[in-house]
Structures are given as structure tokens and as C-alpha cells.
Amino acid sequence: MSANHRPALAHLKRVDPVLAGVIARVGPCRLEASRKGTHYDALVRSIVFQQLSGKAASTIHGRFRALFPANRPRAELVLSAADELLRGAGLSRQKMGYLRDLSARVADGSLPLAHLGRLSDDAIIEHLVQVKGIGRWTVQMFLMFRLGRPDVLPELDLGVQNAIHKAYGLEKRPTPKDVLRIGEKWRPYASVASWYLWRSLENGDGQLV
């Protein structure tokens, strides 16, 4: 995604006064895609980080990477790594299974990743949810923060739901269908809108509240 978010901000402010207020409070948009490493690296990281706090996940991810030459886990090496090693890094049995399933599909060529940038968002979701432990939400994070896709609305995300609940003064937290309905006006810049909603939940030290 381009660092120049002016067209997105102009659109969002024009179509949604509530979101315009959120944008004014949060300030400049710092949403950027990470191009470091490979698509495989990014998917591995997303699996490790699932259902963990950022600090704990970063520690486990660092230990996991340190098991491999140059801190680079490759699919073939992950497949051959002993369970004891992976457990020692802090991975649960469930996540070990997810990583092995991803790695097996990448290693045997049944899940090619190099061409993902040429596919539509929906096609990428369909492609990646074949992997155990990778669901719609995980792929949406990959689309936003790895591929820099501009129009991703993670309707299942509790942070987005909670932010909409708070910003729009709703009686109860919106359902995924509600999120899609409310966010329809944000297209084609739903990723930027989602970023602002997440940031609106942060307290002064940058932690989500």
C-alpha cells in the first residue's frame, strides 16, 4: 500500500462523518505493508502469533526462528525439525501441526505462494484457507499487512467490532454482517478504515484497551 493515503482519507472523511472524527483523533495514517522475508515467513509468523499477546508471540517466534540457519525457517527444515525442538521454542502441539501442514503444502508444491500477488483478494483467501490453522481472518491480515491490499474489511475481528461499537454508539457489539454493512461506504479503502478503528482503541502507551 502506498505511503500516500491522501485519496483514502479524503474518501473516508467524505462518506462517513463518524469515521472522520476517528481519523481526526488518531492522526496520520501509518499503515504500511511489510516486505521483509517471504510470503511463507509471513504465514509462519501469523500462525505463531495466533491467540497470543504480542510480547509472548514475539518471544516464541524469535526462539522458533533461532532453531534454523540464519534465523530462516524453510518449509523443508520445519518439516524435519523434531517435535522436542519446536516444543522447546514454546509452540503448542496444535500450532506445530499447523506449521507442519503449511510447510508440507509449500514443500510439495501444492500451495504455491510466489504468484499470490497476482490473485484477487477472494482468490487468495480461497487459496490459503486450505491450510490447517489459517482461516479467513488470518488471510485478511496477510492481505493487509503483507500484500498491502487497500480494500480489506476484517469483519470477524473483535477489535474492529469493538471500535465500531464504541465510535458509533451502538447498543451492542456489531455482528460480522453489521460490520460489512456499516463498512460498505468505506470501499475501496476499507483497509485504512480498519487501521483507524484499531488505533482508536489504543491508550496512551500504544496498547489496545
N, C-alpha and C. Protein backbone atom coordinates (compact mmCIF):
# COMPACT_ATOMS: atom_id res chain seq x y z
N MET A 1 0.84 -1.19 0.00
CA MET A 1 0.00 0.00 0.00
C MET A 1 0.88 1.25 0.00
N SER A 2 0.52 2.19 -0.79
CA SER A 2 1.31 3.41 -0.88
C SER A 2 1.30 4.16 0.45
N ALA A 3 2.44 4.80 0.73
CA ALA A 3 2.51 5.61 1.96
C ALA A 3 1.64 6.86 1.83
N ASN A 4 1.25 7.17 0.62
CA ASN A 4 0.40 8.34 0.42
C ASN A 4 -1.07 7.94 0.56
N HIS A 5 -1.63 8.21 1.70
CA HIS A 5 -3.00 7.80 1.98
C HIS A 5 -4.01 8.92 1.75
N ARG A 6 -3.60 9.99 1.12
CA ARG A 6 -4.50 11.14 0.98
C ARG A 6 -5.81 10.81 0.27
N PRO A 7 -5.78 10.08 -0.86
CA PRO A 7 -7.06 9.75 -1.51
C PRO A 7 -7.98 8.94 -0.60
N ALA A 8 -7.40 8.00 0.15
CA ALA A 8 -8.20 7.19 1.06
C ALA A 8 -8.82 8.05 2.15
N LEU A 9 -8.02 8.93 2.74
CA LEU A 9 -8.52 9.77 3.82
C LEU A 9 -9.60 10.73 3.32
N ALA A 10 -9.40 11.29 2.15
CA ALA A 10 -10.40 12.20 1.59
C ALA A 10 -11.72 11.47 1.39
N HIS A 11 -11.66 10.26 0.86
CA HIS A 11 -12.87 9.48 0.63
C HIS A 11 -13.57 9.13 1.94
N LEU A 12 -12.81 8.62 2.90
CA LEU A 12 -13.39 8.17 4.17
C LEU A 12 -14.03 9.33 4.94
N LYS A 13 -13.36 10.47 4.94
CA LYS A 13 -13.92 11.64 5.64
C LYS A 13 -15.21 12.12 4.97
N ARG A 14 -15.25 12.01 3.64
CA ARG A 14 -16.41 12.49 2.91
C ARG A 14 -17.63 11.60 3.13
N VAL A 15 -17.42 10.28 3.16
CA VAL A 15 -18.56 9.36 3.18
C VAL A 15 -19.02 9.00 4.58
N ASP A 16 -18.19 9.28 5.61
CA ASP A 16 -18.53 8.80 6.95
C ASP A 16 -18.09 9.81 8.01
N PRO A 17 -18.99 10.65 8.48
CA PRO A 17 -18.65 11.66 9.49
C PRO A 17 -18.11 11.05 10.79
N VAL A 18 -18.63 9.89 11.19
CA VAL A 18 -18.14 9.26 12.42
C VAL A 18 -16.69 8.86 12.25
N LEU A 19 -16.38 8.21 11.14
CA LEU A 19 -15.00 7.81 10.90
C LEU A 19 -14.11 9.04 10.73
N ALA A 20 -14.65 10.11 10.18
CA ALA A 20 -13.87 11.35 10.06
C ALA A 20 -13.41 11.82 11.43
N GLY A 21 -14.28 11.68 12.44
CA GLY A 21 -13.91 12.04 13.79
C GLY A 21 -12.82 11.15 14.35
N VAL A 22 -12.91 9.86 14.06
CA VAL A 22 -11.88 8.92 14.49
C VAL A 22 -10.54 9.28 13.86
N ILE A 23 -10.55 9.59 12.58
CA ILE A 23 -9.33 9.96 11.85
C ILE A 23 -8.70 11.21 12.47
N ALA A 24 -9.54 12.19 12.82
CA ALA A 24 -9.03 13.43 13.41
C ALA A 24 -8.37 13.15 14.76
N ARG A 25 -8.95 12.24 15.55
CA ARG A 25 -8.39 11.94 16.87
C ARG A 25 -7.10 11.12 16.77
N VAL A 26 -7.05 10.18 15.85
CA VAL A 26 -5.89 9.28 15.75
C VAL A 26 -4.69 9.97 15.10
N GLY A 27 -4.96 10.76 14.07
CA GLY A 27 -3.87 11.46 13.39
C GLY A 27 -3.42 10.76 12.12
N PRO A 28 -2.17 11.00 11.68
CA PRO A 28 -1.71 10.49 10.40
C PRO A 28 -1.79 8.96 10.30
N CYS A 29 -2.04 8.48 9.10
CA CYS A 29 -2.12 7.04 8.85
C CYS A 29 -0.72 6.46 8.69
N ARG A 30 -0.42 5.44 9.48
CA ARG A 30 0.90 4.79 9.40
C ARG A 30 0.79 3.35 8.92
N LEU A 31 -0.29 3.04 8.25
CA LEU A 31 -0.47 1.68 7.73
C LEU A 31 0.53 1.42 6.61
N GLU A 32 1.34 0.39 6.78
CA GLU A 32 2.30 0.01 5.75
C GLU A 32 2.40 -1.50 5.68
N ALA A 33 2.60 -2.02 4.49
CA ALA A 33 2.83 -3.45 4.33
C ALA A 33 4.30 -3.78 4.59
N SER A 34 4.54 -4.94 5.17
CA SER A 34 5.91 -5.39 5.43
C SER A 34 6.39 -6.28 4.30
N ARG A 35 7.47 -5.89 3.66
CA ARG A 35 8.00 -6.68 2.55
C ARG A 35 9.19 -7.55 2.98
N LYS A 36 9.48 -7.56 4.28
CA LYS A 36 10.62 -8.34 4.76
C LYS A 36 10.33 -9.84 4.64
N GLY A 37 11.35 -10.60 4.25
CA GLY A 37 11.18 -12.05 4.17
C GLY A 37 10.29 -12.48 3.03
N THR A 38 9.80 -13.71 3.12
CA THR A 38 8.97 -14.30 2.07
C THR A 38 7.52 -14.40 2.53
N HIS A 39 6.65 -14.74 1.59
CA HIS A 39 5.25 -14.98 1.95
C HIS A 39 5.16 -16.12 2.96
N TYR A 40 5.99 -17.14 2.79
CA TYR A 40 5.99 -18.26 3.74
C TYR A 40 6.35 -17.76 5.13
N ASP A 41 7.37 -16.93 5.23
CA ASP A 41 7.76 -16.37 6.53
C ASP A 41 6.58 -15.64 7.18
N ALA A 42 5.86 -14.87 6.38
CA ALA A 42 4.75 -14.09 6.91
C ALA A 42 3.63 -14.99 7.41
N LEU A 43 3.36 -16.08 6.71
CA LEU A 43 2.31 -17.00 7.14
C LEU A 43 2.73 -17.76 8.39
N VAL A 44 4.00 -18.14 8.46
CA VAL A 44 4.51 -18.78 9.67
C VAL A 44 4.32 -17.85 10.87
N ARG A 45 4.69 -16.61 10.69
CA ARG A 45 4.56 -15.63 11.78
C ARG A 45 3.11 -15.49 12.20
N SER A 46 2.20 -15.46 11.25
CA SER A 46 0.78 -15.28 11.58
C SER A 46 0.26 -16.46 12.40
N ILE A 47 0.74 -17.68 12.09
CA ILE A 47 0.32 -18.86 12.86
C ILE A 47 0.87 -18.78 14.28
N VAL A 48 2.15 -18.44 14.41
CA VAL A 48 2.77 -18.36 15.74
C VAL A 48 2.06 -17.32 16.61
N PHE A 49 1.64 -16.21 16.01
CA PHE A 49 1.06 -15.10 16.76
C PHE A 49 -0.40 -15.31 17.13
N GLN A 50 -1.05 -16.31 16.58
CA GLN A 50 -2.48 -16.50 16.85
C GLN A 50 -2.75 -16.68 18.34
N GLN A 51 -3.73 -15.94 18.84
CA GLN A 51 -4.26 -16.09 20.21
C GLN A 51 -3.20 -15.86 21.29
N LEU A 52 -2.19 -15.08 20.99
CA LEU A 52 -1.16 -14.75 21.97
C LEU A 52 -1.00 -13.24 22.04
N SER A 53 -0.55 -12.76 23.18
CA SER A 53 -0.20 -11.34 23.28
C SER A 53 1.02 -11.08 22.41
N GLY A 54 1.18 -9.84 21.98
CA GLY A 54 2.29 -9.50 21.09
C GLY A 54 3.64 -9.87 21.66
N LYS A 55 3.85 -9.59 22.95
CA LYS A 55 5.15 -9.83 23.57
C LYS A 55 5.46 -11.32 23.64
N ALA A 56 4.50 -12.12 24.10
CA ALA A 56 4.70 -13.56 24.20
C ALA A 56 4.93 -14.17 22.82
N ALA A 57 4.12 -13.72 21.84
CA ALA A 57 4.25 -14.25 20.49
C ALA A 57 5.61 -13.90 19.88
N SER A 58 6.08 -12.68 20.12
CA SER A 58 7.38 -12.27 19.59
C SER A 58 8.50 -13.12 20.17
N THR A 59 8.41 -13.43 21.46
CA THR A 59 9.43 -14.26 22.11
C THR A 59 9.46 -15.66 21.50
N ILE A 60 8.28 -16.27 21.35
CA ILE A 60 8.21 -17.62 20.78
C ILE A 60 8.66 -17.61 19.33
N HIS A 61 8.24 -16.60 18.59
CA HIS A 61 8.63 -16.52 17.18
C HIS A 61 10.14 -16.39 17.05
N GLY A 62 10.75 -15.60 17.92
CA GLY A 62 12.21 -15.45 17.90
C GLY A 62 12.92 -16.74 18.22
N ARG A 63 12.43 -17.47 19.23
CA ARG A 63 13.03 -18.76 19.57
C ARG A 63 12.88 -19.76 18.44
N PHE A 64 11.72 -19.75 17.81
CA PHE A 64 11.46 -20.66 16.69
C PHE A 64 12.43 -20.37 15.54
N ARG A 65 12.57 -19.12 15.18
CA ARG A 65 13.46 -18.76 14.07
C ARG A 65 14.92 -19.13 14.39
N ALA A 66 15.28 -19.01 15.65
CA ALA A 66 16.66 -19.29 16.05
C ALA A 66 17.02 -20.77 15.91
N LEU A 67 16.04 -21.63 15.72
CA LEU A 67 16.31 -23.06 15.53
C LEU A 67 16.91 -23.35 14.16
N PHE A 68 16.86 -22.37 13.25
CA PHE A 68 17.21 -22.64 11.86
C PHE A 68 18.39 -21.77 11.41
N PRO A 69 19.17 -22.26 10.43
CA PRO A 69 20.32 -21.48 9.94
C PRO A 69 19.90 -20.08 9.50
N ALA A 70 20.67 -19.09 9.93
CA ALA A 70 20.43 -17.68 9.58
C ALA A 70 19.05 -17.20 10.03
N ASN A 71 18.49 -17.86 11.04
CA ASN A 71 17.16 -17.49 11.55
C ASN A 71 16.09 -17.54 10.48
N ARG A 72 16.25 -18.44 9.50
CA ARG A 72 15.29 -18.53 8.40
C ARG A 72 14.67 -19.93 8.35
N PRO A 73 13.50 -20.12 8.92
CA PRO A 73 12.83 -21.41 8.81
C PRO A 73 12.31 -21.63 7.39
N ARG A 74 12.82 -22.64 6.74
CA ARG A 74 12.31 -23.01 5.41
C ARG A 74 11.41 -24.21 5.56
N ALA A 75 10.50 -24.37 4.61
CA ALA A 75 9.48 -25.42 4.73
C ALA A 75 10.09 -26.79 4.98
N GLU A 76 11.11 -27.15 4.22
CA GLU A 76 11.72 -28.47 4.36
C GLU A 76 12.36 -28.64 5.73
N LEU A 77 12.96 -27.57 6.26
CA LEU A 77 13.61 -27.64 7.57
C LEU A 77 12.59 -27.74 8.70
N VAL A 78 11.48 -27.04 8.55
CA VAL A 78 10.43 -27.12 9.58
C VAL A 78 9.85 -28.53 9.62
N LEU A 79 9.67 -29.13 8.46
CA LEU A 79 9.13 -30.49 8.40
C LEU A 79 10.05 -31.49 9.09
N SER A 80 11.35 -31.28 8.98
CA SER A 80 12.30 -32.24 9.55
C SER A 80 12.68 -31.93 10.99
N ALA A 81 12.24 -30.81 11.53
CA ALA A 81 12.57 -30.43 12.90
C ALA A 81 11.84 -31.34 13.90
N ALA A 82 12.55 -31.77 14.92
CA ALA A 82 11.97 -32.67 15.92
C ALA A 82 10.92 -31.93 16.75
N ASP A 83 9.89 -32.66 17.16
CA ASP A 83 8.85 -32.08 18.00
C ASP A 83 9.43 -31.44 19.26
N GLU A 84 10.43 -32.10 19.85
CA GLU A 84 11.01 -31.59 21.09
C GLU A 84 11.61 -30.20 20.89
N LEU A 85 12.25 -30.02 19.74
CA LEU A 85 12.83 -28.70 19.45
C LEU A 85 11.75 -27.63 19.35
N LEU A 86 10.69 -27.96 18.63
CA LEU A 86 9.61 -26.99 18.43
C LEU A 86 8.89 -26.70 19.74
N ARG A 87 8.67 -27.73 20.54
CA ARG A 87 8.05 -27.52 21.85
C ARG A 87 8.94 -26.66 22.74
N GLY A 88 10.25 -26.90 22.62
CA GLY A 88 11.20 -26.13 23.43
C GLY A 88 11.17 -24.64 23.10
N ALA A 89 10.77 -24.31 21.87
CA ALA A 89 10.66 -22.90 21.47
C ALA A 89 9.37 -22.27 22.00
N GLY A 90 8.46 -23.11 22.52
CA GLY A 90 7.23 -22.59 23.08
C GLY A 90 5.99 -22.82 22.24
N LEU A 91 6.13 -23.61 21.17
CA LEU A 91 4.98 -23.86 20.30
C LEU A 91 4.08 -24.94 20.90
N SER A 92 2.78 -24.72 20.82
CA SER A 92 1.83 -25.73 21.26
C SER A 92 1.78 -26.85 20.22
N ARG A 93 1.25 -28.00 20.65
CA ARG A 93 1.11 -29.12 19.71
C ARG A 93 0.23 -28.72 18.54
N GLN A 94 -0.82 -27.94 18.83
CA GLN A 94 -1.73 -27.51 17.76
C GLN A 94 -0.99 -26.66 16.73
N LYS A 95 -0.21 -25.69 17.20
CA LYS A 95 0.50 -24.83 16.25
C LYS A 95 1.59 -25.58 15.51
N MET A 96 2.20 -26.55 16.16
CA MET A 96 3.17 -27.38 15.45
C MET A 96 2.49 -28.09 14.28
N GLY A 97 1.27 -28.58 14.52
CA GLY A 97 0.51 -29.23 13.44
C GLY A 97 0.20 -28.27 12.31
N TYR A 98 -0.18 -27.04 12.66
CA TYR A 98 -0.48 -26.03 11.64
C TYR A 98 0.76 -25.72 10.80
N LEU A 99 1.90 -25.53 11.48
CA LEU A 99 3.14 -25.19 10.77
C LEU A 99 3.58 -26.34 9.87
N ARG A 100 3.39 -27.56 10.33
CA ARG A 100 3.78 -28.71 9.50
C ARG A 100 2.86 -28.84 8.29
N ASP A 101 1.57 -28.56 8.47
CA ASP A 101 0.65 -28.64 7.34
C ASP A 101 1.00 -27.58 6.29
N LEU A 102 1.23 -26.35 6.73
CA LEU A 102 1.65 -25.29 5.81
C LEU A 102 2.95 -25.68 5.11
N SER A 103 3.91 -26.16 5.88
CA SER A 103 5.23 -26.47 5.32
C SER A 103 5.16 -27.63 4.33
N ALA A 104 4.33 -28.64 4.63
CA ALA A 104 4.20 -29.78 3.72
C ALA A 104 3.60 -29.33 2.39
N ARG A 105 2.61 -28.46 2.44
CA ARG A 105 1.97 -27.99 1.21
C ARG A 105 2.92 -27.13 0.38
N VAL A 106 3.73 -26.31 1.07
CA VAL A 106 4.70 -25.48 0.35
C VAL A 106 5.81 -26.35 -0.23
N ALA A 107 6.28 -27.31 0.55
CA ALA A 107 7.40 -28.14 0.11
C ALA A 107 7.03 -29.01 -1.09
N ASP A 108 5.79 -29.53 -1.11
CA ASP A 108 5.43 -30.42 -2.23
C ASP A 108 4.82 -29.66 -3.41
N GLY A 109 4.73 -28.34 -3.28
CA GLY A 109 4.26 -27.53 -4.40
C GLY A 109 2.76 -27.43 -4.53
N SER A 110 2.01 -28.03 -3.59
CA SER A 110 0.55 -27.97 -3.71
C SER A 110 -0.02 -26.63 -3.26
N LEU A 111 0.81 -25.82 -2.58
CA LEU A 111 0.39 -24.48 -2.17
C LEU A 111 1.44 -23.47 -2.65
N PRO A 112 1.44 -23.16 -3.95
CA PRO A 112 2.40 -22.18 -4.44
C PRO A 112 2.09 -20.80 -3.87
N LEU A 113 3.13 -20.07 -3.48
CA LEU A 113 2.94 -18.77 -2.87
C LEU A 113 3.48 -17.62 -3.71
N ALA A 114 4.40 -17.89 -4.62
CA ALA A 114 5.06 -16.81 -5.34
C ALA A 114 4.09 -15.99 -6.18
N HIS A 115 2.98 -16.61 -6.61
CA HIS A 115 2.06 -15.92 -7.53
C HIS A 115 0.94 -15.19 -6.81
N LEU A 116 0.94 -15.19 -5.49
CA LEU A 116 -0.21 -14.65 -4.76
C LEU A 116 -0.50 -13.20 -5.11
N GLY A 117 0.53 -12.42 -5.36
CA GLY A 117 0.33 -11.01 -5.66
C GLY A 117 -0.48 -10.76 -6.91
N ARG A 118 -0.62 -11.77 -7.75
CA ARG A 118 -1.38 -11.60 -8.99
C ARG A 118 -2.84 -12.02 -8.85
N LEU A 119 -3.21 -12.55 -7.69
CA LEU A 119 -4.58 -13.03 -7.49
C LEU A 119 -5.44 -11.96 -6.82
N SER A 120 -6.76 -12.11 -6.96
CA SER A 120 -7.69 -11.22 -6.26
C SER A 120 -7.71 -11.57 -4.78
N ASP A 121 -8.24 -10.64 -3.97
CA ASP A 121 -8.34 -10.91 -2.54
C ASP A 121 -9.11 -12.19 -2.26
N ASP A 122 -10.26 -12.35 -2.89
CA ASP A 122 -11.08 -13.54 -2.64
C ASP A 122 -10.36 -14.81 -3.06
N ALA A 123 -9.63 -14.76 -4.17
CA ALA A 123 -8.90 -15.94 -4.63
C ALA A 123 -7.78 -16.30 -3.66
N ILE A 124 -7.14 -15.30 -3.08
CA ILE A 124 -6.07 -15.56 -2.11
C ILE A 124 -6.67 -16.19 -0.85
N ILE A 125 -7.81 -15.70 -0.40
CA ILE A 125 -8.48 -16.29 0.77
C ILE A 125 -8.78 -17.76 0.48
N GLU A 126 -9.37 -18.03 -0.67
CA GLU A 126 -9.72 -19.40 -1.03
C GLU A 126 -8.48 -20.29 -1.10
N HIS A 127 -7.39 -19.73 -1.58
CA HIS A 127 -6.13 -20.46 -1.76
C HIS A 127 -5.52 -20.84 -0.40
N LEU A 128 -5.52 -19.91 0.53
CA LEU A 128 -4.77 -20.10 1.77
C LEU A 128 -5.56 -20.79 2.88
N VAL A 129 -6.89 -20.71 2.85
CA VAL A 129 -7.66 -21.36 3.92
C VAL A 129 -7.63 -22.88 3.80
N GLN A 130 -7.00 -23.40 2.76
CA GLN A 130 -6.79 -24.85 2.68
C GLN A 130 -5.90 -25.34 3.82
N VAL A 131 -5.04 -24.45 4.31
CA VAL A 131 -4.06 -24.82 5.33
C VAL A 131 -4.73 -24.88 6.70
N LYS A 132 -4.43 -25.94 7.46
CA LYS A 132 -4.94 -26.04 8.83
C LYS A 132 -4.43 -24.86 9.65
N GLY A 133 -5.34 -24.23 10.38
CA GLY A 133 -4.94 -23.13 11.24
C GLY A 133 -4.93 -21.78 10.55
N ILE A 134 -5.18 -21.74 9.25
CA ILE A 134 -5.26 -20.47 8.55
C ILE A 134 -6.70 -20.27 8.10
N GLY A 135 -7.37 -19.34 8.76
CA GLY A 135 -8.75 -19.04 8.44
C GLY A 135 -8.88 -17.70 7.74
N ARG A 136 -10.11 -17.29 7.56
CA ARG A 136 -10.39 -16.06 6.82
C ARG A 136 -9.69 -14.85 7.45
N TRP A 137 -9.75 -14.73 8.79
CA TRP A 137 -9.15 -13.58 9.47
C TRP A 137 -7.64 -13.54 9.23
N THR A 138 -6.98 -14.69 9.35
CA THR A 138 -5.53 -14.74 9.16
C THR A 138 -5.15 -14.29 7.76
N VAL A 139 -5.92 -14.74 6.77
CA VAL A 139 -5.62 -14.35 5.39
C VAL A 139 -5.88 -12.85 5.19
N GLN A 140 -6.91 -12.33 5.84
CA GLN A 140 -7.16 -10.89 5.72
C GLN A 140 -6.00 -10.08 6.29
N MET A 141 -5.42 -10.53 7.40
CA MET A 141 -4.24 -9.83 7.95
C MET A 141 -3.07 -9.92 6.97
N PHE A 142 -2.93 -11.06 6.32
CA PHE A 142 -1.89 -11.25 5.31
C PHE A 142 -2.12 -10.28 4.14
N LEU A 143 -3.37 -10.16 3.71
CA LEU A 143 -3.69 -9.26 2.60
C LEU A 143 -3.33 -7.82 2.95
N MET A 144 -3.64 -7.42 4.17
CA MET A 144 -3.42 -6.03 4.58
C MET A 144 -1.95 -5.73 4.84
N PHE A 145 -1.34 -6.57 5.67
CA PHE A 145 -0.02 -6.23 6.22
C PHE A 145 1.15 -6.86 5.48
N ARG A 146 0.87 -7.81 4.58
CA ARG A 146 1.93 -8.38 3.74
C ARG A 146 1.82 -7.88 2.29
N LEU A 147 0.61 -7.99 1.74
CA LEU A 147 0.43 -7.63 0.33
C LEU A 147 0.01 -6.18 0.14
N GLY A 148 -0.39 -5.51 1.23
CA GLY A 148 -0.77 -4.11 1.11
C GLY A 148 -2.04 -3.89 0.32
N ARG A 149 -2.98 -4.81 0.41
CA ARG A 149 -4.24 -4.64 -0.32
C ARG A 149 -5.08 -3.55 0.35
N PRO A 150 -5.64 -2.62 -0.42
CA PRO A 150 -6.25 -1.42 0.15
C PRO A 150 -7.68 -1.58 0.64
N ASP A 151 -8.36 -2.67 0.26
CA ASP A 151 -9.80 -2.73 0.50
C ASP A 151 -10.20 -3.98 1.27
N VAL A 152 -9.52 -4.22 2.39
CA VAL A 152 -9.81 -5.39 3.22
C VAL A 152 -10.57 -4.94 4.46
N LEU A 153 -11.71 -5.57 4.71
CA LEU A 153 -12.51 -5.27 5.89
C LEU A 153 -12.64 -6.56 6.71
N PRO A 154 -11.85 -6.71 7.78
CA PRO A 154 -11.88 -7.95 8.57
C PRO A 154 -13.09 -7.98 9.50
N GLU A 155 -14.19 -8.44 8.96
CA GLU A 155 -15.47 -8.37 9.68
C GLU A 155 -15.51 -9.26 10.91
N LEU A 156 -14.62 -10.26 10.98
CA LEU A 156 -14.59 -11.17 12.13
C LEU A 156 -13.72 -10.64 13.27
N ASP A 157 -13.00 -9.57 13.04
CA ASP A 157 -12.03 -9.06 14.01
C ASP A 157 -12.74 -8.39 15.18
N LEU A 158 -12.44 -8.85 16.39
CA LEU A 158 -13.10 -8.29 17.57
C LEU A 158 -12.71 -6.83 17.80
N GLY A 159 -11.47 -6.47 17.47
CA GLY A 159 -11.04 -5.09 17.62
C GLY A 159 -11.85 -4.16 16.73
N VAL A 160 -12.05 -4.54 15.48
CA VAL A 160 -12.86 -3.74 14.57
C VAL A 160 -14.30 -3.65 15.08
N GLN A 161 -14.84 -4.78 15.53
CA GLN A 161 -16.21 -4.78 16.05
C GLN A 161 -16.33 -3.87 17.28
N ASN A 162 -15.38 -3.98 18.19
CA ASN A 162 -15.42 -3.16 19.41
C ASN A 162 -15.26 -1.68 19.09
N ALA A 163 -14.40 -1.37 18.13
CA ALA A 163 -14.19 0.04 17.77
C ALA A 163 -15.43 0.63 17.14
N ILE A 164 -16.11 -0.14 16.29
CA ILE A 164 -17.36 0.33 15.68
C ILE A 164 -18.42 0.53 16.77
N HIS A 165 -18.51 -0.43 17.67
CA HIS A 165 -19.45 -0.34 18.80
C HIS A 165 -19.27 0.96 19.56
N LYS A 166 -18.01 1.28 19.84
CA LYS A 166 -17.69 2.48 20.62
C LYS A 166 -17.89 3.76 19.80
N ALA A 167 -17.32 3.79 18.59
CA ALA A 167 -17.34 5.02 17.79
C ALA A 167 -18.75 5.41 17.36
N TYR A 168 -19.57 4.41 17.05
CA TYR A 168 -20.90 4.69 16.51
C TYR A 168 -21.98 4.69 17.60
N GLY A 169 -21.56 4.45 18.86
CA GLY A 169 -22.51 4.48 19.96
C GLY A 169 -23.60 3.44 19.86
N LEU A 170 -23.25 2.24 19.39
CA LEU A 170 -24.24 1.18 19.22
C LEU A 170 -24.59 0.55 20.58
N GLU A 171 -25.79 0.00 20.68
CA GLU A 171 -26.23 -0.62 21.93
C GLU A 171 -25.44 -1.90 22.22
N LYS A 172 -25.06 -2.63 21.18
CA LYS A 172 -24.30 -3.85 21.39
C LYS A 172 -23.25 -3.97 20.29
N ARG A 173 -22.31 -4.86 20.54
CA ARG A 173 -21.23 -5.04 19.56
C ARG A 173 -21.80 -5.53 18.23
N PRO A 174 -21.38 -4.94 17.12
CA PRO A 174 -21.93 -5.35 15.82
C PRO A 174 -21.51 -6.76 15.43
N THR A 175 -22.37 -7.44 14.72
CA THR A 175 -22.05 -8.75 14.16
C THR A 175 -21.17 -8.57 12.92
N PRO A 176 -20.55 -9.64 12.44
CA PRO A 176 -19.79 -9.51 11.19
C PRO A 176 -20.63 -8.94 10.04
N LYS A 177 -21.90 -9.33 9.97
CA LYS A 177 -22.78 -8.78 8.92
C LYS A 177 -22.97 -7.28 9.10
N ASP A 178 -23.10 -6.85 10.36
CA ASP A 178 -23.22 -5.42 10.64
C ASP A 178 -21.97 -4.67 10.19
N VAL A 179 -20.80 -5.26 10.48
CA VAL A 179 -19.53 -4.62 10.10
C VAL A 179 -19.48 -4.42 8.59
N LEU A 180 -19.86 -5.46 7.84
CA LEU A 180 -19.83 -5.36 6.37
C LEU A 180 -20.82 -4.29 5.88
N ARG A 181 -21.98 -4.22 6.53
CA ARG A 181 -22.99 -3.24 6.12
C ARG A 181 -22.50 -1.81 6.41
N ILE A 182 -22.00 -1.60 7.62
CA ILE A 182 -21.52 -0.27 8.01
C ILE A 182 -20.31 0.13 7.16
N GLY A 183 -19.45 -0.85 6.87
CA GLY A 183 -18.20 -0.55 6.16
C GLY A 183 -18.30 -0.51 4.65
N GLU A 184 -19.49 -0.78 4.12
CA GLU A 184 -19.63 -0.78 2.66
C GLU A 184 -19.26 0.58 2.07
N LYS A 185 -19.57 1.65 2.78
CA LYS A 185 -19.29 3.00 2.28
C LYS A 185 -17.79 3.30 2.25
N TRP A 186 -17.00 2.53 2.99
CA TRP A 186 -15.55 2.80 3.06
C TRP A 186 -14.81 2.31 1.81
N ARG A 187 -15.44 1.43 1.07
CA ARG A 187 -14.74 0.86 -0.09
C ARG A 187 -14.48 1.95 -1.13
N PRO A 188 -13.34 1.95 -1.82
CA PRO A 188 -12.32 0.88 -1.88
C PRO A 188 -11.14 1.08 -0.92
N TYR A 189 -11.39 1.65 0.24
CA TYR A 189 -10.29 1.93 1.18
C TYR A 189 -10.57 1.36 2.57
N ALA A 190 -11.18 0.17 2.61
CA ALA A 190 -11.56 -0.41 3.90
C ALA A 190 -10.36 -0.74 4.77
N SER A 191 -9.21 -1.02 4.18
CA SER A 191 -8.02 -1.33 4.99
C SER A 191 -7.61 -0.14 5.85
N VAL A 192 -7.64 1.05 5.26
CA VAL A 192 -7.29 2.26 6.01
C VAL A 192 -8.32 2.51 7.11
N ALA A 193 -9.60 2.33 6.79
CA ALA A 193 -10.65 2.49 7.80
C ALA A 193 -10.42 1.51 8.96
N SER A 194 -10.09 0.28 8.65
CA SER A 194 -9.86 -0.73 9.68
C SER A 194 -8.67 -0.34 10.55
N TRP A 195 -7.62 0.15 9.93
CA TRP A 195 -6.44 0.58 10.70
C TRP A 195 -6.81 1.67 11.69
N TYR A 196 -7.60 2.63 11.25
CA TYR A 196 -8.02 3.72 12.15
C TYR A 196 -8.90 3.19 13.29
N LEU A 197 -9.75 2.24 12.99
CA LEU A 197 -10.59 1.67 14.05
C LEU A 197 -9.73 0.97 15.10
N TRP A 198 -8.75 0.20 14.68
CA TRP A 198 -7.85 -0.44 15.65
C TRP A 198 -7.13 0.61 16.50
N ARG A 199 -6.60 1.62 15.84
CA ARG A 199 -5.84 2.65 16.57
C ARG A 199 -6.74 3.42 17.54
N SER A 200 -8.01 3.51 17.23
CA SER A 200 -8.92 4.26 18.12
C SER A 200 -9.08 3.58 19.46
N LEU A 201 -8.72 2.31 19.55
CA LEU A 201 -8.85 1.56 20.81
C LEU A 201 -7.59 1.63 21.65
N GLU A 202 -6.53 2.26 21.15
CA GLU A 202 -5.28 2.30 21.90
C GLU A 202 -5.35 3.33 23.01
N ASN A 203 -4.64 3.02 24.10
CA ASN A 203 -4.48 4.03 25.13
C ASN A 203 -3.18 4.78 24.90
N GLY A 204 -2.75 5.56 25.84
CA GLY A 204 -1.60 6.45 25.62
C GLY A 204 -0.28 5.76 25.36
N ASP A 205 -0.14 4.51 25.83
CA ASP A 205 1.15 3.84 25.61
C ASP A 205 1.14 2.92 24.42
N GLY A 206 0.12 3.05 23.58
CA GLY A 206 0.08 2.28 22.34
C GLY A 206 -0.51 0.89 22.48
N GLN A 207 -0.97 0.54 23.69
CA GLN A 207 -1.58 -0.78 23.88
C GLN A 207 -3.07 -0.69 23.62
N LEU A 208 -3.62 -1.78 23.09
CA LEU A 208 -5.06 -1.81 22.86
C LEU A 208 -5.79 -1.90 24.20
N VAL A 209 -6.90 -1.20 24.29
CA VAL A 209 -7.69 -1.21 25.53
C VAL A 209 -8.96 -2.03 25.31
